[in-house]
PDB file of N, CA and C in Angstrom:
ATOM      1  N   MET A   1       0.840  -1.190  -0.038  1.00  0.00           N
ATOM      2  CA  MET A   1      -0.025   0.011  -0.013  1.00  0.00           C
ATOM      3  C   MET A   1       0.898   1.285  -0.007  1.00  0.00           C
ATOM      4  N   ASN A   2       1.882   1.286   0.941  1.00  0.00           N
ATOM      5  CA  ASN A   2       2.750   2.462   0.993  1.00  0.00           C
ATOM      6  C   ASN A   2       3.551   2.653  -0.306  1.00  0.00           C
ATOM      7  N   THR A   3       3.932   1.563  -0.892  1.00  0.00           N
ATOM      8  CA  THR A   3       4.708   1.683  -2.175  1.00  0.00           C
ATOM      9  C   THR A   3       3.830   2.233  -3.330  1.00  0.00           C
ATOM     10  N   LYS A   4       2.566   1.908  -3.298  1.00  0.00           N
ATOM     11  CA  LYS A   4       1.639   2.445  -4.303  1.00  0.00           C
ATOM     12  C   LYS A   4       1.447   3.944  -4.104  1.00  0.00           C
ATOM     13  N   ILE A   5       1.306   4.345  -2.903  1.00  0.00           N
ATOM     14  CA  ILE A   5       1.147   5.787  -2.540  1.00  0.00           C
ATOM     15  C   ILE A   5       2.442   6.509  -2.912  1.00  0.00           C
ATOM     16  N   LEU A   6       3.593   5.954  -2.589  1.00  0.00           N
ATOM     17  CA  LEU A   6       4.890   6.583  -2.801  1.00  0.00           C
ATOM     18  C   LEU A   6       5.100   6.646  -4.355  1.00  0.00           C
ATOM     19  N   SER A   7       4.738   5.593  -5.093  1.00  0.00           N
ATOM     20  CA  SER A   7       4.852   5.601  -6.542  1.00  0.00           C
ATOM     21  C   SER A   7       3.946   6.625  -7.095  1.00  0.00           C
ATOM     22  N   LEU A   8       2.735   6.760  -6.670  1.00  0.00           N
ATOM     23  CA  LEU A   8       1.804   7.787  -7.173  1.00  0.00           C
ATOM     24  C   LEU A   8       2.345   9.149  -6.894  1.00  0.00           C
ATOM     25  N   PHE A   9       2.772   9.395  -5.739  1.00  0.00           N
ATOM     26  CA  PHE A   9       3.425  10.733  -5.381  1.00  0.00           C
ATOM     27  C   PHE A   9       4.635  11.017  -6.298  1.00  0.00           C
ATOM     28  N   PHE A  10       5.431  10.073  -6.551  1.00  0.00           N
ATOM     29  CA  PHE A  10       6.597  10.258  -7.425  1.00  0.00           C
ATOM     30  C   PHE A  10       6.137  10.617  -8.798  1.00  0.00           C
ATOM     31  N   LEU A  11       5.163   9.857  -9.356  1.00  0.00           N
ATOM     32  CA  LEU A  11       4.643  10.146 -10.696  1.00  0.00           C
ATOM     33  C   LEU A  11       4.040  11.509 -10.798  1.00  0.00           C
ATOM     34  N   ILE A  12       3.299  11.897  -9.851  1.00  0.00           N
ATOM     35  CA  ILE A  12       2.762  13.287  -9.839  1.00  0.00           C
ATOM     36  C   ILE A  12       3.774  14.360  -9.813  1.00  0.00           C
ATOM     37  N   SER A  13       4.830  14.152  -8.937  1.00  0.00           N
ATOM     38  CA  SER A  13       5.893  15.120  -8.870  1.00  0.00           C
ATOM     39  C   SER A  13       6.675  15.183 -10.164  1.00  0.00           C
ATOM     40  N   LEU A  14       6.936  14.019 -10.826  1.00  0.00           N
ATOM     41  CA  LEU A  14       7.574  14.032 -12.094  1.00  0.00           C
ATOM     42  C   LEU A  14       6.800  14.776 -13.169  1.00  0.00           C
ATOM     43  N   THR A  15       5.498  14.590 -13.144  1.00  0.00           N
ATOM     44  CA  THR A  15       4.646  15.166 -14.154  1.00  0.00           C
ATOM     45  C   THR A  15       4.600  16.708 -13.923  1.00  0.00           C
ATOM     46  N   ILE A  16       4.557  17.125 -12.649  1.00  0.00           N
ATOM     47  CA  ILE A  16       4.566  18.639 -12.416  1.00  0.00           C
ATOM     48  C   ILE A  16       5.908  19.224 -12.867  1.00  0.00           C
ATOM     49  N   SER A  17       7.033  18.605 -12.563  1.00  0.00           N
ATOM     50  CA  SER A  17       8.283  19.122 -12.909  1.00  0.00           C
ATOM     51  C   SER A  17       8.528  19.143 -14.382  1.00  0.00           C
ATOM     52  N   ALA A  18       7.884  18.246 -15.137  1.00  0.00           N
ATOM     53  CA  ALA A  18       8.004  18.219 -16.558  1.00  0.00           C
ATOM     54  C   ALA A  18       7.244  19.307 -17.205  1.00  0.00           C
ATOM     55  N   CYS A  19       6.166  19.764 -16.540  1.00  0.00           N
ATOM     56  CA  CYS A  19       5.313  20.835 -17.081  1.00  0.00           C
ATOM     57  C   CYS A  19       5.859  22.245 -16.721  1.00  0.00           C
ATOM     58  N   THR A  20       6.752  22.380 -15.786  1.00  0.00           N
ATOM     59  CA  THR A  20       7.272  23.642 -15.443  1.00  0.00           C
ATOM     60  C   THR A  20       8.100  24.194 -16.587  1.00  0.00           C
ATOM     61  N   PRO A  21       7.851  25.430 -16.970  1.00  0.00           N
ATOM     62  CA  PRO A  21       8.564  25.994 -18.152  1.00  0.00           C
ATOM     63  C   PRO A  21      10.056  26.182 -17.778  1.00  0.00           C
ATOM     64  N   LYS A  22      10.851  25.727 -18.665  1.00  0.00           N
ATOM     65  CA  LYS A  22      12.313  25.865 -18.485  1.00  0.00           C
ATOM     66  C   LYS A  22      12.843  27.078 -19.222  1.00  0.00           C
ATOM     67  N   GLU A  23      13.735  27.766 -18.645  1.00  0.00           N
ATOM     68  CA  GLU A  23      14.309  28.983 -19.244  1.00  0.00           C
ATOM     69  C   GLU A  23      15.089  28.597 -20.450  1.00  0.00           C
ATOM     70  N   GLN A  24      14.887  29.433 -21.572  1.00  0.00           N
ATOM     71  CA  GLN A  24      15.589  29.163 -22.794  1.00  0.00           C
ATOM     72  C   GLN A  24      16.228  30.559 -23.165  1.00  0.00           C
ATOM     73  N   THR A  25      17.113  30.432 -24.150  1.00  0.00           N
ATOM     74  CA  THR A  25      17.873  31.663 -24.578  1.00  0.00           C
ATOM     75  C   THR A  25      17.330  31.964 -26.029  1.00  0.00           C
ATOM     76  N   CYS A  26      17.044  33.255 -26.241  1.00  0.00           N
ATOM     77  CA  CYS A  26      16.712  33.784 -27.514  1.00  0.00           C
ATOM     78  C   CYS A  26      17.836  34.729 -27.997  1.00  0.00           C
ATOM     79  N   ILE A  27      18.230  34.558 -29.235  1.00  0.00           N
ATOM     80  CA  ILE A  27      19.277  35.382 -29.810  1.00  0.00           C
ATOM     81  C   ILE A  27      18.680  36.067 -31.013  1.00  0.00           C
ATOM     82  N   ILE A  28      18.666  37.395 -30.976  1.00  0.00           N
ATOM     83  CA  ILE A  28      18.147  38.138 -32.149  1.00  0.00           C
ATOM     84  C   ILE A  28      19.365  38.779 -32.836  1.00  0.00           C
ATOM     85  N   LYS A  29      19.414  38.728 -34.117  1.00  0.00           N
ATOM     86  CA  LYS A  29      20.468  39.335 -34.869  1.00  0.00           C
ATOM     87  C   LYS A  29      19.832  39.992 -36.107  1.00  0.00           C
ATOM     88  N   GLY A  30      20.449  41.060 -36.530  1.00  0.00           N
ATOM     89  CA  GLY A  30      19.878  41.720 -37.757  1.00  0.00           C
ATOM     90  C   GLY A  30      20.871  42.638 -38.354  1.00  0.00           C
ATOM     91  N   LYS A  31      20.475  43.015 -39.595  1.00  0.00           N
ATOM     92  CA  LYS A  31      21.230  43.986 -40.334  1.00  0.00           C
ATOM     93  C   LYS A  31      20.342  45.196 -40.654  1.00  0.00           C
ATOM     94  N   VAL A  32      20.742  46.380 -40.422  1.00  0.00           N
ATOM     95  CA  VAL A  32      19.991  47.548 -40.629  1.00  0.00           C
ATOM     96  C   VAL A  32      20.499  48.107 -41.992  1.00  0.00           C
ATOM     97  N   ILE A  33      19.549  48.313 -42.919  1.00  0.00           N
ATOM     98  CA  ILE A  33      19.867  48.783 -44.204  1.00  0.00           C
ATOM     99  C   ILE A  33      19.334  50.224 -44.450  1.00  0.00           C
ATOM    100  N   ASN A  34      20.067  51.069 -45.086  1.00  0.00           N
ATOM    101  CA  ASN A  34      19.718  52.452 -45.438  1.00  0.00           C
ATOM    102  C   ASN A  34      19.354  53.293 -44.198  1.00  0.00           C
ATOM    103  N   ARG A  35      20.027  53.097 -43.128  1.00  0.00           N
ATOM    104  CA  ARG A  35      19.815  53.943 -41.879  1.00  0.00           C
ATOM    105  C   ARG A  35      21.131  54.232 -41.239  1.00  0.00           C
ATOM    106  N   PRO A  36      22.042  54.896 -41.899  1.00  0.00           N
ATOM    107  CA  PRO A  36      23.380  55.177 -41.253  1.00  0.00           C
ATOM    108  C   PRO A  36      23.209  56.063 -40.002  1.00  0.00           C
ATOM    109  N   TYR A  37      22.190  56.760 -39.859  1.00  0.00           N
ATOM    110  CA  TYR A  37      21.992  57.673 -38.724  1.00  0.00           C
ATOM    111  C   TYR A  37      21.462  56.912 -37.448  1.00  0.00           C
ATOM    112  N   SER A  38      21.072  55.707 -37.598  1.00  0.00           N
ATOM    113  CA  SER A  38      20.550  54.952 -36.454  1.00  0.00           C
ATOM    114  C   SER A  38      21.598  54.123 -35.802  1.00  0.00           C
ATOM    115  N   SER A  39      21.922  54.389 -34.498  1.00  0.00           N
ATOM    116  CA  SER A  39      23.050  53.718 -33.920  1.00  0.00           C
ATOM    117  C   SER A  39      22.528  52.844 -32.693  1.00  0.00           C
ATOM    118  N   LYS A  40      21.254  52.875 -32.305  1.00  0.00           N
ATOM    119  CA  LYS A  40      20.760  52.172 -31.128  1.00  0.00           C
ATOM    120  C   LYS A  40      19.353  51.663 -31.390  1.00  0.00           C
ATOM    121  N   LEU A  41      19.055  50.497 -30.770  1.00  0.00           N
ATOM    122  CA  LEU A  41      17.667  50.019 -30.699  1.00  0.00           C
ATOM    123  C   LEU A  41      17.283  49.863 -29.280  1.00  0.00           C
ATOM    124  N   ILE A  42      16.018  50.154 -28.949  1.00  0.00           N
ATOM    125  CA  ILE A  42      15.419  49.922 -27.635  1.00  0.00           C
ATOM    126  C   ILE A  42      14.764  48.603 -27.723  1.00  0.00           C
ATOM    127  N   PHE A  43      14.981  47.786 -26.677  1.00  0.00           N
ATOM    128  CA  PHE A  43      14.452  46.437 -26.592  1.00  0.00           C
ATOM    129  C   PHE A  43      13.407  46.491 -25.391  1.00  0.00           C
ATOM    130  N   VAL A  44      12.222  46.125 -25.560  1.00  0.00           N
ATOM    131  CA  VAL A  44      11.173  46.200 -24.394  1.00  0.00           C
ATOM    132  C   VAL A  44      10.107  45.187 -24.732  1.00  0.00           C
ATOM    133  N   LYS A  45       9.537  44.614 -23.571  1.00  0.00           N
ATOM    134  CA  LYS A  45       8.383  43.720 -23.751  1.00  0.00           C
ATOM    135  C   LYS A  45       7.212  44.510 -24.325  1.00  0.00           C
ATOM    136  N   TYR A  46       6.408  43.788 -25.074  1.00  0.00           N
ATOM    137  CA  TYR A  46       5.357  44.468 -25.846  1.00  0.00           C
ATOM    138  C   TYR A  46       4.385  45.324 -25.016  1.00  0.00           C
ATOM    139  N   PHE A  47       4.016  44.871 -23.893  1.00  0.00           N
ATOM    140  CA  PHE A  47       3.067  45.606 -23.051  1.00  0.00           C
ATOM    141  C   PHE A  47       3.779  46.506 -22.044  1.00  0.00           C
ATOM    142  N   ASP A  48       5.114  46.561 -22.001  1.00  0.00           N
ATOM    143  CA  ASP A  48       5.765  47.475 -21.035  1.00  0.00           C
ATOM    144  C   ASP A  48       5.948  48.779 -21.654  1.00  0.00           C
ATOM    145  N   ASP A  49       6.108  49.812 -20.777  1.00  0.00           N
ATOM    146  CA  ASP A  49       6.309  51.196 -21.193  1.00  0.00           C
ATOM    147  C   ASP A  49       7.719  51.361 -21.735  1.00  0.00           C
ATOM    148  N   VAL A  50       7.836  51.896 -22.882  1.00  0.00           N
ATOM    149  CA  VAL A  50       9.125  52.074 -23.556  1.00  0.00           C
ATOM    150  C   VAL A  50      10.071  52.956 -22.703  1.00  0.00           C
ATOM    151  N   HIS A  51       9.466  53.909 -21.963  1.00  0.00           N
ATOM    152  CA  HIS A  51      10.245  54.841 -21.149  1.00  0.00           C
ATOM    153  C   HIS A  51      10.988  54.113 -20.038  1.00  0.00           C
ATOM    154  N   SER A  52      10.471  52.940 -19.579  1.00  0.00           N
ATOM    155  CA  SER A  52      11.107  52.229 -18.500  1.00  0.00           C
ATOM    156  C   SER A  52      12.083  51.215 -18.989  1.00  0.00           C
ATOM    157  N   SER A  53      12.288  51.054 -20.281  1.00  0.00           N
ATOM    158  CA  SER A  53      13.221  50.019 -20.788  1.00  0.00           C
ATOM    159  C   SER A  53      14.685  50.520 -20.459  1.00  0.00           C
ATOM    160  N   ASP A  54      15.439  49.567 -19.980  1.00  0.00           N
ATOM    161  CA  ASP A  54      16.862  49.802 -19.722  1.00  0.00           C
ATOM    162  C   ASP A  54      17.756  49.017 -20.589  1.00  0.00           C
ATOM    163  N   VAL A  55      17.182  48.382 -21.678  1.00  0.00           N
ATOM    164  CA  VAL A  55      17.969  47.536 -22.596  1.00  0.00           C
ATOM    165  C   VAL A  55      18.052  48.368 -23.907  1.00  0.00           C
ATOM    166  N   ILE A  56      19.363  48.780 -24.106  1.00  0.00           N
ATOM    167  CA  ILE A  56      19.673  49.448 -25.442  1.00  0.00           C
ATOM    168  C   ILE A  56      20.614  48.540 -26.161  1.00  0.00           C
ATOM    169  N   ILE A  57      20.373  48.321 -27.388  1.00  0.00           N
ATOM    170  CA  ILE A  57      21.158  47.396 -28.238  1.00  0.00           C
ATOM    171  C   ILE A  57      21.947  48.314 -29.270  1.00  0.00           C
ATOM    172  N   PRO A  58      23.186  48.262 -29.186  1.00  0.00           N
ATOM    173  CA  PRO A  58      23.997  49.087 -30.100  1.00  0.00           C
ATOM    174  C   PRO A  58      23.964  48.486 -31.579  1.00  0.00           C
ATOM    175  N   ILE A  59      23.958  49.389 -32.548  1.00  0.00           N
ATOM    176  CA  ILE A  59      24.102  49.004 -33.930  1.00  0.00           C
ATOM    177  C   ILE A  59      25.479  49.392 -34.361  1.00  0.00           C
ATOM    178  N   LYS A  60      26.304  48.438 -34.746  1.00  0.00           N
ATOM    179  CA  LYS A  60      27.667  48.716 -35.164  1.00  0.00           C
ATOM    180  C   LYS A  60      27.914  48.210 -36.603  1.00  0.00           C
ATOM    181  N   ASP A  61      28.242  49.153 -37.514  1.00  0.00           N
ATOM    182  CA  ASP A  61      28.434  48.855 -38.940  1.00  0.00           C
ATOM    183  C   ASP A  61      27.203  48.224 -39.527  1.00  0.00           C
ATOM    184  N   GLY A  62      26.055  48.734 -39.046  1.00  0.00           N
ATOM    185  CA  GLY A  62      24.762  48.261 -39.623  1.00  0.00           C
ATOM    186  C   GLY A  62      24.324  46.902 -39.077  1.00  0.00           C
ATOM    187  N   VAL A  63      24.946  46.349 -38.087  1.00  0.00           N
ATOM    188  CA  VAL A  63      24.569  45.027 -37.525  1.00  0.00           C
ATOM    189  C   VAL A  63      24.378  45.145 -36.072  1.00  0.00           C
ATOM    190  N   PHE A  64      23.360  44.341 -35.624  1.00  0.00           N
ATOM    191  CA  PHE A  64      23.117  44.271 -34.147  1.00  0.00           C
ATOM    192  C   PHE A  64      22.881  42.836 -33.716  1.00  0.00           C
ATOM    193  N   SER A  65      23.079  42.489 -32.417  1.00  0.00           N
ATOM    194  CA  SER A  65      22.838  41.219 -31.876  1.00  0.00           C
ATOM    195  C   SER A  65      22.518  41.456 -30.434  1.00  0.00           C
ATOM    196  N   TYR A  66      21.586  40.602 -29.925  1.00  0.00           N
ATOM    197  CA  TYR A  66      21.244  40.620 -28.557  1.00  0.00           C
ATOM    198  C   TYR A  66      20.768  39.293 -28.096  1.00  0.00           C
ATOM    199  N   GLU A  67      21.011  38.933 -26.881  1.00  0.00           N
ATOM    200  CA  GLU A  67      20.717  37.545 -26.372  1.00  0.00           C
ATOM    201  C   GLU A  67      19.939  37.781 -25.018  1.00  0.00           C
ATOM    202  N   PHE A  68      18.787  37.090 -24.796  1.00  0.00           N
ATOM    203  CA  PHE A  68      18.092  37.146 -23.544  1.00  0.00           C
ATOM    204  C   PHE A  68      17.446  35.832 -23.252  1.00  0.00           C
ATOM    205  N   ASN A  69      17.055  35.634 -21.967  1.00  0.00           N
ATOM    206  CA  ASN A  69      16.432  34.356 -21.549  1.00  0.00           C
ATOM    207  C   ASN A  69      14.962  34.611 -21.332  1.00  0.00           C
ATOM    208  N   PHE A  70      14.232  33.575 -21.630  1.00  0.00           N
ATOM    209  CA  PHE A  70      12.734  33.617 -21.434  1.00  0.00           C
ATOM    210  C   PHE A  70      12.265  32.209 -20.963  1.00  0.00           C
ATOM    211  N   SER A  71      11.134  32.117 -20.369  1.00  0.00           N
ATOM    212  CA  SER A  71      10.554  30.820 -20.024  1.00  0.00           C
ATOM    213  C   SER A  71       9.179  30.685 -20.682  1.00  0.00           C
ATOM    214  N   GLU A  72       8.532  31.722 -21.156  1.00  0.00           N
ATOM    215  CA  GLU A  72       7.281  31.612 -21.821  1.00  0.00           C
ATOM    216  C   GLU A  72       7.312  32.453 -23.104  1.00  0.00           C
ATOM    217  N   THR A  73       6.556  32.020 -24.141  1.00  0.00           N
ATOM    218  CA  THR A  73       6.486  32.835 -25.332  1.00  0.00           C
ATOM    219  C   THR A  73       5.873  34.201 -25.049  1.00  0.00           C
ATOM    220  N   GLU A  74       6.557  35.219 -25.455  1.00  0.00           N
ATOM    221  CA  GLU A  74       6.049  36.647 -25.162  1.00  0.00           C
ATOM    222  C   GLU A  74       6.380  37.483 -26.411  1.00  0.00           C
ATOM    223  N   ALA A  75       5.649  38.609 -26.526  1.00  0.00           N
ATOM    224  CA  ALA A  75       5.835  39.528 -27.634  1.00  0.00           C
ATOM    225  C   ALA A  75       6.835  40.652 -27.069  1.00  0.00           C
ATOM    226  N   TYR A  76       7.670  41.058 -28.005  1.00  0.00           N
ATOM    227  CA  TYR A  76       8.676  42.093 -27.704  1.00  0.00           C
ATOM    228  C   TYR A  76       8.613  43.152 -28.824  1.00  0.00           C
ATOM    229  N   ASN A  77       9.183  44.389 -28.460  1.00  0.00           N
ATOM    230  CA  ASN A  77       9.398  45.440 -29.399  1.00  0.00           C
ATOM    231  C   ASN A  77      10.844  45.720 -29.620  1.00  0.00           C
ATOM    232  N   LEU A  78      11.227  46.048 -30.839  1.00  0.00           N
ATOM    233  CA  LEU A  78      12.539  46.676 -31.140  1.00  0.00           C
ATOM    234  C   LEU A  78      12.143  48.004 -31.713  1.00  0.00           C
ATOM    235  N   ILE A  79      12.721  49.097 -31.155  1.00  0.00           N
ATOM    236  CA  ILE A  79      12.423  50.455 -31.634  1.00  0.00           C
ATOM    237  C   ILE A  79      13.730  51.162 -31.876  1.00  0.00           C
ATOM    238  N   PHE A  80      13.788  51.802 -32.981  1.00  0.00           N
ATOM    239  CA  PHE A  80      15.000  52.606 -33.237  1.00  0.00           C
ATOM    240  C   PHE A  80      15.022  53.792 -32.247  1.00  0.00           C
ATOM    241  N   LYS A  81      16.069  54.037 -31.630  1.00  0.00           N
ATOM    242  CA  LYS A  81      16.069  55.079 -30.538  1.00  0.00           C
ATOM    243  C   LYS A  81      15.890  56.428 -31.177  1.00  0.00           C
ATOM    244  N   ASP A  82      16.433  56.661 -32.355  1.00  0.00           N
ATOM    245  CA  ASP A  82      16.249  58.025 -33.002  1.00  0.00           C
ATOM    246  C   ASP A  82      14.809  58.244 -33.309  1.00  0.00           C
ATOM    247  N   GLU A  83      14.070  57.223 -33.703  1.00  0.00           N
ATOM    248  CA  GLU A  83      12.650  57.361 -33.941  1.00  0.00           C
ATOM    249  C   GLU A  83      11.922  57.667 -32.653  1.00  0.00           C
ATOM    250  N   PHE A  84      12.270  56.954 -31.565  1.00  0.00           N
ATOM    251  CA  PHE A  84      11.646  57.217 -30.295  1.00  0.00           C
ATOM    252  C   PHE A  84      11.818  58.601 -29.831  1.00  0.00           C
ATOM    253  N   ILE A  85      13.081  59.120 -29.986  1.00  0.00           N
ATOM    254  CA  ILE A  85      13.349  60.502 -29.543  1.00  0.00           C
ATOM    255  C   ILE A  85      12.466  61.473 -30.353  1.00  0.00           C
ATOM    256  N   LYS A  86      12.321  61.219 -31.612  1.00  0.00           N
ATOM    257  CA  LYS A  86      11.475  62.151 -32.480  1.00  0.00           C
ATOM    258  C   LYS A  86       9.954  61.984 -32.236  1.00  0.00           C
ATOM    259  N   GLY A  87       9.610  60.840 -31.562  1.00  0.00           N
ATOM    260  CA  GLY A  87       8.163  60.585 -31.290  1.00  0.00           C
ATOM    261  C   GLY A  87       7.456  60.032 -32.416  1.00  0.00           C
ATOM    262  N   SER A  88       8.124  59.519 -33.419  1.00  0.00           N
ATOM    263  CA  SER A  88       7.502  58.871 -34.554  1.00  0.00           C
ATOM    264  C   SER A  88       7.972  57.437 -34.797  1.00  0.00           C
ATOM    265  N   MET A  89       7.881  56.742 -33.716  1.00  0.00           N
ATOM    266  CA  MET A  89       8.396  55.323 -33.781  1.00  0.00           C
ATOM    267  C   MET A  89       7.482  54.366 -34.439  1.00  0.00           C
ATOM    268  N   ASN A  90       8.072  53.380 -35.130  1.00  0.00           N
ATOM    269  CA  ASN A  90       7.377  52.258 -35.740  1.00  0.00           C
ATOM    270  C   ASN A  90       8.028  51.058 -35.263  1.00  0.00           C
ATOM    271  N   PRO A  91       7.465  50.457 -34.190  1.00  0.00           N
ATOM    272  CA  PRO A  91       8.107  49.254 -33.498  1.00  0.00           C
ATOM    273  C   PRO A  91       8.070  48.035 -34.383  1.00  0.00           C
ATOM    274  N   ILE A  92       9.143  47.249 -34.197  1.00  0.00           N
ATOM    275  CA  ILE A  92       9.290  45.988 -34.890  1.00  0.00           C
ATOM    276  C   ILE A  92       8.857  44.884 -33.783  1.00  0.00           C
ATOM    277  N   VAL A  93       7.744  44.270 -34.017  1.00  0.00           N
ATOM    278  CA  VAL A  93       7.234  43.286 -32.980  1.00  0.00           C
ATOM    279  C   VAL A  93       7.637  41.882 -33.411  1.00  0.00           C
ATOM    280  N   PHE A  94       8.162  41.116 -32.407  1.00  0.00           N
ATOM    281  CA  PHE A  94       8.496  39.758 -32.611  1.00  0.00           C
ATOM    282  C   PHE A  94       8.116  38.934 -31.405  1.00  0.00           C
ATOM    283  N   LEU A  95       8.115  37.629 -31.565  1.00  0.00           N
ATOM    284  CA  LEU A  95       7.801  36.658 -30.448  1.00  0.00           C
ATOM    285  C   LEU A  95       9.006  35.808 -30.147  1.00  0.00           C
ATOM    286  N   SER A  96       9.241  35.619 -28.880  1.00  0.00           N
ATOM    287  CA  SER A  96      10.192  34.636 -28.481  1.00  0.00           C
ATOM    288  C   SER A  96       9.375  33.328 -28.512  1.00  0.00           C
ATOM    289  N   ASN A  97      10.007  32.285 -29.027  1.00  0.00           N
ATOM    290  CA  ASN A  97       9.278  31.070 -29.032  1.00  0.00           C
ATOM    291  C   ASN A  97      10.132  29.877 -28.466  1.00  0.00           C
ATOM    292  N   ARG A  98       9.512  28.740 -28.229  1.00  0.00           N
ATOM    293  CA  ARG A  98      10.178  27.628 -27.612  1.00  0.00           C
ATOM    294  C   ARG A  98      10.562  26.617 -28.624  1.00  0.00           C
ATOM    295  N   TRP A  99      10.340  26.875 -29.929  1.00  0.00           N
ATOM    296  CA  TRP A  99      10.687  25.880 -30.943  1.00  0.00           C
ATOM    297  C   TRP A  99      12.133  26.003 -31.414  1.00  0.00           C
ATOM    298  N   MET A 100      12.743  24.948 -31.728  1.00  0.00           N
ATOM    299  CA  MET A 100      14.112  24.917 -32.186  1.00  0.00           C
ATOM    300  C   MET A 100      14.114  24.669 -33.673  1.00  0.00           C
ATOM    301  N   TYR A 101      14.971  25.432 -34.391  1.00  0.00           N
ATOM    302  CA  TYR A 101      15.033  25.231 -35.802  1.00  0.00           C
ATOM    303  C   TYR A 101      16.391  24.674 -36.157  1.00  0.00           C
TER     304      TYR A 101
END
């Protein structure tokens, strides 16, 4: 009887731990074309206030790269800092996902 209860408890614990989202790494890379005046990107979660973002991604020689960790699929914005300063931003929206390519 005790071994059945112990086995059931172990099985439930294993199932719960398998369902817990594990942290993964997302790497975004890109090339900026025809914007020599843009030197920085602002990275922020989609529903967060852009003013509170403390993640600035530098653009060097027209190329940028950034790595972050996530546990659930979420939407994010990339915004050119020069557009944000002018007040005419056009965010680039993307999703972090859990699929491997």
